[in-house]
């Protein structure tokens, strides 16, 4: 386990131009204190193939979009009176 003193030593040896990156990384870790958030951020990507019976029709919707079918976001916004 890394101790705070070790992290302080590492920080002290960083070149000044790397400090902004180190600051962002540490701020990101600090912002994800929740074990659930941290687990979600560190989870491996979902690399399983989509199947219509698994994805609720997402694959079919993508095929429709590729064929130029369906409604654009702008059309839906107009139909809902959001524009």
PDB file of N, CA and C in Angstrom:
ATOM      1  N   UNK A   1       0.837  -1.182   0.000  1.00  0.00           N
ATOM      2  CA  UNK A   1       0.000   0.000   0.000  1.00  0.00           C
ATOM      3  C   UNK A   1       0.885   1.250   0.000  1.00  0.00           C
ATOM      4  N   UNK A   2       0.524   2.188  -0.820  1.00  0.00           N
ATOM      5  CA  UNK A   2       1.288   3.443  -0.908  1.00  0.00           C
ATOM      6  C   UNK A   2       0.860   4.365   0.227  1.00  0.00           C
ATOM      7  N   UNK A   3       1.838   4.922   0.872  1.00  0.00           N
ATOM      8  CA  UNK A   3       1.557   5.863   1.967  1.00  0.00           C
ATOM      9  C   UNK A   3       1.549   7.283   1.436  1.00  0.00           C
ATOM     10  N   UNK A   4       0.915   8.167   2.183  1.00  0.00           N
ATOM     11  CA  UNK A   4       0.839   9.575   1.795  1.00  0.00           C
ATOM     12  C   UNK A   4       2.226  10.182   1.596  1.00  0.00           C
ATOM     13  N   UNK A   5       3.147   9.800   2.434  1.00  0.00           N
ATOM     14  CA  UNK A   5       4.507  10.351   2.337  1.00  0.00           C
ATOM     15  C   UNK A   5       5.124  10.001   0.982  1.00  0.00           C
ATOM     16  N   UNK A   6       4.858   8.793   0.508  1.00  0.00           N
ATOM     17  CA  UNK A   6       5.382   8.384  -0.793  1.00  0.00           C
ATOM     18  C   UNK A   6       4.757   9.221  -1.906  1.00  0.00           C
ATOM     19  N   UNK A   7       3.470   9.454  -1.798  1.00  0.00           N
ATOM     20  CA  UNK A   7       2.800  10.290  -2.800  1.00  0.00           C
ATOM     21  C   UNK A   7       3.330  11.719  -2.766  1.00  0.00           C
ATOM     22  N   UNK A   8       3.573  12.238  -1.585  1.00  0.00           N
ATOM     23  CA  UNK A   8       4.145  13.579  -1.463  1.00  0.00           C
ATOM     24  C   UNK A   8       5.527  13.632  -2.122  1.00  0.00           C
ATOM     25  N   UNK A   9       6.324  12.599  -1.896  1.00  0.00           N
ATOM     26  CA  UNK A   9       7.661  12.560  -2.515  1.00  0.00           C
ATOM     27  C   UNK A   9       7.552  12.523  -4.040  1.00  0.00           C
ATOM     28  N   UNK A  10       6.627  11.714  -4.553  1.00  0.00           N
ATOM     29  CA  UNK A  10       6.426  11.652  -6.003  1.00  0.00           C
ATOM     30  C   UNK A  10       6.004  13.006  -6.551  1.00  0.00           C
ATOM     31  N   UNK A  11       5.110  13.655  -5.855  1.00  0.00           N
ATOM     32  CA  UNK A  11       4.641  14.969  -6.284  1.00  0.00           C
ATOM     33  C   UNK A  11       5.780  15.983  -6.273  1.00  0.00           C
ATOM     34  N   UNK A  12       6.610  15.917  -5.255  1.00  0.00           N
ATOM     35  CA  UNK A  12       7.729  16.856  -5.151  1.00  0.00           C
ATOM     36  C   UNK A  12       8.757  16.672  -6.265  1.00  0.00           C
ATOM     37  N   UNK A  13       8.826  15.484  -6.852  1.00  0.00           N
ATOM     38  CA  UNK A  13       9.820  15.238  -7.907  1.00  0.00           C
ATOM     39  C   UNK A  13       9.288  15.523  -9.310  1.00  0.00           C
ATOM     40  N   UNK A  14       7.996  15.797  -9.436  1.00  0.00           N
ATOM     41  CA  UNK A  14       7.421  16.065 -10.759  1.00  0.00           C
ATOM     42  C   UNK A  14       7.896  17.410 -11.297  1.00  0.00           C
ATOM     43  N   UNK A  15       8.155  17.490 -12.586  1.00  0.00           N
ATOM     44  CA  UNK A  15       8.474  18.785 -13.186  1.00  0.00           C
ATOM     45  C   UNK A  15       7.239  19.696 -13.124  1.00  0.00           C
ATOM     46  N   UNK A  16       7.468  20.986 -13.049  1.00  0.00           N
ATOM     47  CA  UNK A  16       6.366  21.946 -12.931  1.00  0.00           C
ATOM     48  C   UNK A  16       5.338  21.796 -14.047  1.00  0.00           C
ATOM     49  N   UNK A  17       5.781  21.442 -15.256  1.00  0.00           N
ATOM     50  CA  UNK A  17       4.832  21.343 -16.369  1.00  0.00           C
ATOM     51  C   UNK A  17       3.882  20.145 -16.218  1.00  0.00           C
ATOM     52  N   UNK A  18       4.222  19.186 -15.361  1.00  0.00           N
ATOM     53  CA  UNK A  18       3.347  18.030 -15.131  1.00  0.00           C
ATOM     54  C   UNK A  18       2.380  18.243 -13.966  1.00  0.00           C
ATOM     55  N   UNK A  19       2.542  19.312 -13.217  1.00  0.00           N
ATOM     56  CA  UNK A  19       1.687  19.540 -12.050  1.00  0.00           C
ATOM     57  C   UNK A  19       0.208  19.698 -12.410  1.00  0.00           C
ATOM     58  N   UNK A  20      -0.139  20.403 -13.495  1.00  0.00           N
ATOM     59  CA  UNK A  20      -1.573  20.488 -13.823  1.00  0.00           C
ATOM     60  C   UNK A  20      -2.214  19.122 -14.081  1.00  0.00           C
ATOM     61  N   UNK A  21      -1.477  18.243 -14.754  1.00  0.00           N
ATOM     62  CA  UNK A  21      -2.008  16.900 -15.018  1.00  0.00           C
ATOM     63  C   UNK A  21      -2.172  16.139 -13.710  1.00  0.00           C
ATOM     64  N   UNK A  22      -1.164  16.197 -12.851  1.00  0.00           N
ATOM     65  CA  UNK A  22      -1.244  15.511 -11.560  1.00  0.00           C
ATOM     66  C   UNK A  22      -2.411  16.060 -10.744  1.00  0.00           C
ATOM     67  N   UNK A  23      -2.604  17.357 -10.794  1.00  0.00           N
ATOM     68  CA  UNK A  23      -3.714  17.973 -10.062  1.00  0.00           C
ATOM     69  C   UNK A  23      -5.058  17.471 -10.555  1.00  0.00           C
ATOM     70  N   UNK A  24      -5.205  17.376 -11.883  1.00  0.00           N
ATOM     71  CA  UNK A  24      -6.472  16.881 -12.441  1.00  0.00           C
ATOM     72  C   UNK A  24      -6.700  15.412 -12.065  1.00  0.00           C
ATOM     73  N   UNK A  25      -5.650  14.615 -12.119  1.00  0.00           N
ATOM     74  CA  UNK A  25      -5.797  13.207 -11.758  1.00  0.00           C
ATOM     75  C   UNK A  25      -6.208  13.043 -10.290  1.00  0.00           C
ATOM     76  N   UNK A  26      -5.548  13.789  -9.423  1.00  0.00           N
ATOM     77  CA  UNK A  26      -5.887  13.699  -8.002  1.00  0.00           C
ATOM     78  C   UNK A  26      -7.287  14.240  -7.723  1.00  0.00           C
ATOM     79  N   UNK A  27      -7.656  15.321  -8.396  1.00  0.00           N
ATOM     80  CA  UNK A  27      -9.008  15.862  -8.221  1.00  0.00           C
ATOM     81  C   UNK A  27     -10.040  14.845  -8.690  1.00  0.00           C
ATOM     82  N   UNK A  28      -9.740  14.141  -9.793  1.00  0.00           N
ATOM     83  CA  UNK A  28     -10.651  13.113 -10.275  1.00  0.00           C
ATOM     84  C   UNK A  28     -10.817  11.978  -9.291  1.00  0.00           C
ATOM     85  N   UNK A  29      -9.726  11.557  -8.693  1.00  0.00           N
ATOM     86  CA  UNK A  29      -9.815  10.508  -7.677  1.00  0.00           C
ATOM     87  C   UNK A  29     -10.611  10.975  -6.475  1.00  0.00           C
ATOM     88  N   UNK A  30     -10.386  12.210  -6.079  1.00  0.00           N
ATOM     89  CA  UNK A  30     -11.080  12.773  -4.925  1.00  0.00           C
ATOM     90  C   UNK A  30     -12.575  12.900  -5.195  1.00  0.00           C
ATOM     91  N   UNK A  31     -12.938  13.212  -6.439  1.00  0.00           N
ATOM     92  CA  UNK A  31     -14.341  13.381  -6.793  1.00  0.00           C
ATOM     93  C   UNK A  31     -15.070  12.047  -6.858  1.00  0.00           C
ATOM     94  N   UNK A  32     -14.330  10.957  -6.955  1.00  0.00           N
ATOM     95  CA  UNK A  32     -14.969   9.646  -7.072  1.00  0.00           C
ATOM     96  C   UNK A  32     -14.749   8.823  -5.811  1.00  0.00           C
ATOM     97  N   UNK A  33     -14.991   9.451  -4.709  1.00  0.00           N
ATOM     98  CA  UNK A  33     -14.824   8.771  -3.426  1.00  0.00           C
ATOM     99  C   UNK A  33     -15.798   7.600  -3.297  1.00  0.00           C
ATOM    100  N   UNK A  34     -16.991   7.735  -3.871  1.00  0.00           N
ATOM    101  CA  UNK A  34     -17.991   6.679  -3.767  1.00  0.00           C
ATOM    102  C   UNK A  34     -17.463   5.396  -4.396  1.00  0.00           C
ATOM    103  N   UNK A  35     -17.503   4.294  -3.680  1.00  0.00           N
ATOM    104  CA  UNK A  35     -17.033   3.025  -4.249  1.00  0.00           C
ATOM    105  C   UNK A  35     -17.818   2.626  -5.498  1.00  0.00           C
ATOM    106  N   UNK A  36     -19.094   2.971  -5.538  1.00  0.00           N
ATOM    107  CA  UNK A  36     -19.911   2.635  -6.705  1.00  0.00           C
ATOM    108  C   UNK A  36     -19.442   3.434  -7.917  1.00  0.00           C
ATOM    109  N   UNK A  37     -19.247   4.748  -7.733  1.00  0.00           N
ATOM    110  CA  UNK A  37     -18.754   5.582  -8.839  1.00  0.00           C
ATOM    111  C   UNK A  37     -17.393   5.099  -9.321  1.00  0.00           C
ATOM    112  N   UNK A  38     -16.522   4.804  -8.395  1.00  0.00           N
ATOM    113  CA  UNK A  38     -15.184   4.347  -8.761  1.00  0.00           C
ATOM    114  C   UNK A  38     -15.257   3.034  -9.536  1.00  0.00           C
ATOM    115  N   UNK A  39     -16.107   2.103  -9.082  1.00  0.00           N
ATOM    116  CA  UNK A  39     -16.256   0.825  -9.778  1.00  0.00           C
ATOM    117  C   UNK A  39     -16.791   1.022 -11.186  1.00  0.00           C
ATOM    118  N   UNK A  40     -17.743   1.939 -11.354  1.00  0.00           N
ATOM    119  CA  UNK A  40     -18.285   2.207 -12.690  1.00  0.00           C
ATOM    120  C   UNK A  40     -17.233   2.807 -13.606  1.00  0.00           C
ATOM    121  N   UNK A  41     -16.434   3.720 -13.078  1.00  0.00           N
ATOM    122  CA  UNK A  41     -15.402   4.356 -13.896  1.00  0.00           C
ATOM    123  C   UNK A  41     -14.310   3.371 -14.295  1.00  0.00           C
ATOM    124  N   UNK A  42     -14.016   2.410 -13.433  1.00  0.00           N
ATOM    125  CA  UNK A  42     -12.937   1.469 -13.698  1.00  0.00           C
ATOM    126  C   UNK A  42     -13.400   0.171 -14.354  1.00  0.00           C
ATOM    127  N   UNK A  43     -14.703   0.050 -14.587  1.00  0.00           N
ATOM    128  CA  UNK A  43     -15.231  -1.175 -15.189  1.00  0.00           C
ATOM    129  C   UNK A  43     -14.726  -1.329 -16.615  1.00  0.00           C
ATOM    130  N   UNK A  44     -14.458  -2.558 -17.032  1.00  0.00           N
ATOM    131  CA  UNK A  44     -14.002  -2.773 -18.412  1.00  0.00           C
ATOM    132  C   UNK A  44     -15.131  -2.443 -19.377  1.00  0.00           C
ATOM    133  N   UNK A  45     -14.792  -2.060 -20.600  1.00  0.00           N
ATOM    134  CA  UNK A  45     -15.836  -1.736 -21.578  1.00  0.00           C
ATOM    135  C   UNK A  45     -16.662  -2.972 -21.942  1.00  0.00           C
ATOM    136  N   UNK A  46     -17.903  -2.736 -22.283  1.00  0.00           N
ATOM    137  CA  UNK A  46     -18.780  -3.817 -22.713  1.00  0.00           C
ATOM    138  C   UNK A  46     -18.429  -4.160 -24.150  1.00  0.00           C
ATOM    139  N   UNK A  47     -17.832  -5.321 -24.365  1.00  0.00           N
ATOM    140  CA  UNK A  47     -17.408  -5.692 -25.707  1.00  0.00           C
ATOM    141  C   UNK A  47     -18.227  -6.835 -26.286  1.00  0.00           C
ATOM    142  N   UNK A  48     -19.375  -7.117 -25.664  1.00  0.00           N
ATOM    143  CA  UNK A  48     -20.232  -8.168 -26.195  1.00  0.00           C
ATOM    144  C   UNK A  48     -21.052  -7.615 -27.356  1.00  0.00           C
ATOM    145  N   UNK A  49     -21.276  -8.452 -28.349  1.00  0.00           N
ATOM    146  CA  UNK A  49     -22.050  -8.035 -29.519  1.00  0.00           C
ATOM    147  C   UNK A  49     -23.501  -7.777 -29.131  1.00  0.00           C
ATOM    148  N   UNK A  50     -24.097  -6.783 -29.800  1.00  0.00           N
ATOM    149  CA  UNK A  50     -25.514  -6.497 -29.583  1.00  0.00           C
ATOM    150  C   UNK A  50     -26.358  -7.571 -30.249  1.00  0.00           C
ATOM    151  N   UNK A  51     -27.435  -7.903 -29.630  1.00  0.00           N
ATOM    152  CA  UNK A  51     -28.424  -8.792 -30.223  1.00  0.00           C
ATOM    153  C   UNK A  51     -29.785  -8.202 -29.901  1.00  0.00           C
ATOM    154  N   UNK A  52     -30.692  -8.213 -30.863  1.00  0.00           N
ATOM    155  CA  UNK A  52     -31.990  -7.572 -30.658  1.00  0.00           C
ATOM    156  C   UNK A  52     -32.736  -8.115 -29.449  1.00  0.00           C
ATOM    157  N   UNK A  53     -32.557  -9.383 -29.153  1.00  0.00           N
ATOM    158  CA  UNK A  53     -33.250  -9.909 -27.988  1.00  0.00           C
ATOM    159  C   UNK A  53     -32.601  -9.453 -26.689  1.00  0.00           C
ATOM    160  N   UNK A  54     -31.379  -8.936 -26.759  1.00  0.00           N
ATOM    161  CA  UNK A  54     -30.680  -8.467 -25.564  1.00  0.00           C
ATOM    162  C   UNK A  54     -30.732  -6.952 -25.401  1.00  0.00           C
ATOM    163  N   UNK A  55     -30.796  -6.216 -26.507  1.00  0.00           N
ATOM    164  CA  UNK A  55     -30.620  -4.764 -26.417  1.00  0.00           C
ATOM    165  C   UNK A  55     -31.902  -3.962 -26.595  1.00  0.00           C
ATOM    166  N   UNK A  56     -33.034  -4.592 -26.575  1.00  0.00           N
ATOM    167  CA  UNK A  56     -34.284  -3.854 -26.667  1.00  0.00           C
ATOM    168  C   UNK A  56     -34.496  -3.184 -28.013  1.00  0.00           C
ATOM    169  N   UNK A  57     -33.922  -3.712 -29.071  1.00  0.00           N
ATOM    170  CA  UNK A  57     -34.126  -3.164 -30.402  1.00  0.00           C
ATOM    171  C   UNK A  57     -33.083  -2.169 -30.852  1.00  0.00           C
ATOM    172  N   UNK A  58     -32.044  -1.983 -30.072  1.00  0.00           N
ATOM    173  CA  UNK A  58     -31.018  -1.006 -30.427  1.00  0.00           C
ATOM    174  C   UNK A  58     -30.357  -1.347 -31.757  1.00  0.00           C
ATOM    175  N   UNK A  59     -30.082  -2.610 -31.997  1.00  0.00           N
ATOM    176  CA  UNK A  59     -29.444  -3.002 -33.261  1.00  0.00           C
ATOM    177  C   UNK A  59     -30.336  -2.657 -34.445  1.00  0.00           C
ATOM    178  N   UNK A  60     -31.625  -2.942 -34.326  1.00  0.00           N
ATOM    179  CA  UNK A  60     -32.554  -2.617 -35.412  1.00  0.00           C
ATOM    180  C   UNK A  60     -32.639  -1.110 -35.616  1.00  0.00           C
ATOM    181  N   UNK A  61     -32.665  -0.347 -34.531  1.00  0.00           N
ATOM    182  CA  UNK A  61     -32.708   1.112 -34.646  1.00  0.00           C
ATOM    183  C   UNK A  61     -31.474   1.637 -35.362  1.00  0.00           C
ATOM    184  N   UNK A  62     -30.317   1.056 -35.095  1.00  0.00           N
ATOM    185  CA  UNK A  62     -29.094   1.469 -35.778  1.00  0.00           C
ATOM    186  C   UNK A  62     -29.171   1.147 -37.268  1.00  0.00           C
ATOM    187  N   UNK A  63     -29.712  -0.030 -37.603  1.00  0.00           N
ATOM    188  CA  UNK A  63     -29.850  -0.381 -39.027  1.00  0.00           C
ATOM    189  C   UNK A  63     -30.809   0.577 -39.721  1.00  0.00           C
ATOM    190  N   UNK A  64     -31.908   0.947 -39.041  1.00  0.00           N
ATOM    191  CA  UNK A  64     -32.865   1.902 -39.617  1.00  0.00           C
ATOM    192  C   UNK A  64     -32.186   3.243 -39.869  1.00  0.00           C
ATOM    193  N   UNK A  65     -31.381   3.686 -38.928  1.00  0.00           N
ATOM    194  CA  UNK A  65     -30.677   4.961 -39.086  1.00  0.00           C
ATOM    195  C   UNK A  65     -29.729   4.895 -40.286  1.00  0.00           C
ATOM    196  N   UNK A  66     -29.029   3.775 -40.431  1.00  0.00           N
ATOM    197  CA  UNK A  66     -28.109   3.614 -41.562  1.00  0.00           C
ATOM    198  C   UNK A  66     -28.858   3.651 -42.893  1.00  0.00           C
ATOM    199  N   UNK A  67     -30.125   3.186 -42.901  1.00  0.00           N
ATOM    200  CA  UNK A  67     -30.932   3.214 -44.125  1.00  0.00           C
ATOM    201  C   UNK A  67     -31.587   4.574 -44.335  1.00  0.00           C
ATOM    202  N   UNK A  68     -31.394   5.503 -43.396  1.00  0.00           N
ATOM    203  CA  UNK A  68     -31.997   6.837 -43.504  1.00  0.00           C
ATOM    204  C   UNK A  68     -33.426   6.890 -43.030  1.00  0.00           C
ATOM    205  N   UNK A  69     -33.870   5.885 -42.330  1.00  0.00           N
ATOM    206  CA  UNK A  69     -35.232   5.842 -41.804  1.00  0.00           C
ATOM    207  C   UNK A  69     -35.257   6.461 -40.410  1.00  0.00           C
ATOM    208  N   UNK A  70     -36.454   6.702 -39.932  1.00  0.00           N
ATOM    209  CA  UNK A  70     -36.591   7.242 -38.593  1.00  0.00           C
ATOM    210  C   UNK A  70     -36.654   8.757 -38.606  1.00  0.00           C
ATOM    211  N   UNK A  71     -36.667   9.341 -37.433  1.00  0.00           N
ATOM    212  CA  UNK A  71     -36.786  10.792 -37.274  1.00  0.00           C
ATOM    213  C   UNK A  71     -35.500  11.372 -36.728  1.00  0.00           C
ATOM    214  N   UNK A  72     -35.167  12.556 -37.208  1.00  0.00           N
ATOM    215  CA  UNK A  72     -33.994  13.240 -36.670  1.00  0.00           C
ATOM    216  C   UNK A  72     -34.352  13.871 -35.332  1.00  0.00           C
ATOM    217  N   UNK A  73     -33.351  14.232 -34.598  1.00  0.00           N
ATOM    218  CA  UNK A  73     -33.571  14.914 -33.322  1.00  0.00           C
ATOM    219  C   UNK A  73     -34.351  16.197 -33.539  1.00  0.00           C
ATOM    220  N   UNK A  74     -34.027  16.917 -34.602  1.00  0.00           N
ATOM    221  CA  UNK A  74     -34.725  18.172 -34.901  1.00  0.00           C
ATOM    222  C   UNK A  74     -36.208  17.923 -35.160  1.00  0.00           C
ATOM    223  N   UNK A  75     -36.526  16.839 -35.910  1.00  0.00           N
ATOM    224  CA  UNK A  75     -37.927  16.520 -36.184  1.00  0.00           C
ATOM    225  C   UNK A  75     -38.679  16.205 -34.894  1.00  0.00           C
ATOM    226  N   UNK A  76     -38.075  15.421 -34.049  1.00  0.00           N
ATOM    227  CA  UNK A  76     -38.721  15.047 -32.790  1.00  0.00           C
ATOM    228  C   UNK A  76     -38.931  16.277 -31.922  1.00  0.00           C
ATOM    229  N   UNK A  77     -37.941  17.157 -31.860  1.00  0.00           N
ATOM    230  CA  UNK A  77     -38.072  18.379 -31.058  1.00  0.00           C
ATOM    231  C   UNK A  77     -39.226  19.238 -31.576  1.00  0.00           C
ATOM    232  N   UNK A  78     -39.346  19.350 -32.917  1.00  0.00           N
ATOM    233  CA  UNK A  78     -40.460  20.134 -33.495  1.00  0.00           C
ATOM    234  C   UNK A  78     -41.804  19.492 -33.153  1.00  0.00           C
ATOM    235  N   UNK A  79     -41.876  18.163 -33.299  1.00  0.00           N
ATOM    236  CA  UNK A  79     -43.128  17.465 -33.006  1.00  0.00           C
ATOM    237  C   UNK A  79     -43.541  17.612 -31.543  1.00  0.00           C
ATOM    238  N   UNK A  80     -42.581  17.698 -30.658  1.00  0.00           N
ATOM    239  CA  UNK A  80     -42.870  17.859 -29.236  1.00  0.00           C
ATOM    240  C   UNK A  80     -43.028  19.316 -28.821  1.00  0.00           C
ATOM    241  N   UNK A  81     -42.861  20.224 -29.787  1.00  0.00           N
ATOM    242  CA  UNK A  81     -42.988  21.653 -29.495  1.00  0.00           C
ATOM    243  C   UNK A  81     -41.838  22.219 -28.692  1.00  0.00           C
ATOM    244  N   UNK A  82     -40.655  21.614 -28.838  1.00  0.00           N
ATOM    245  CA  UNK A  82     -39.507  22.076 -28.090  1.00  0.00           C
ATOM    246  C   UNK A  82     -38.675  23.073 -28.875  1.00  0.00           C
ATOM    247  N   UNK A  83     -39.069  23.351 -30.105  1.00  0.00           N
ATOM    248  CA  UNK A  83     -38.345  24.347 -30.918  1.00  0.00           C
ATOM    249  C   UNK A  83     -39.283  25.431 -31.352  1.00  0.00           C
TER     250      UNK A  83
END
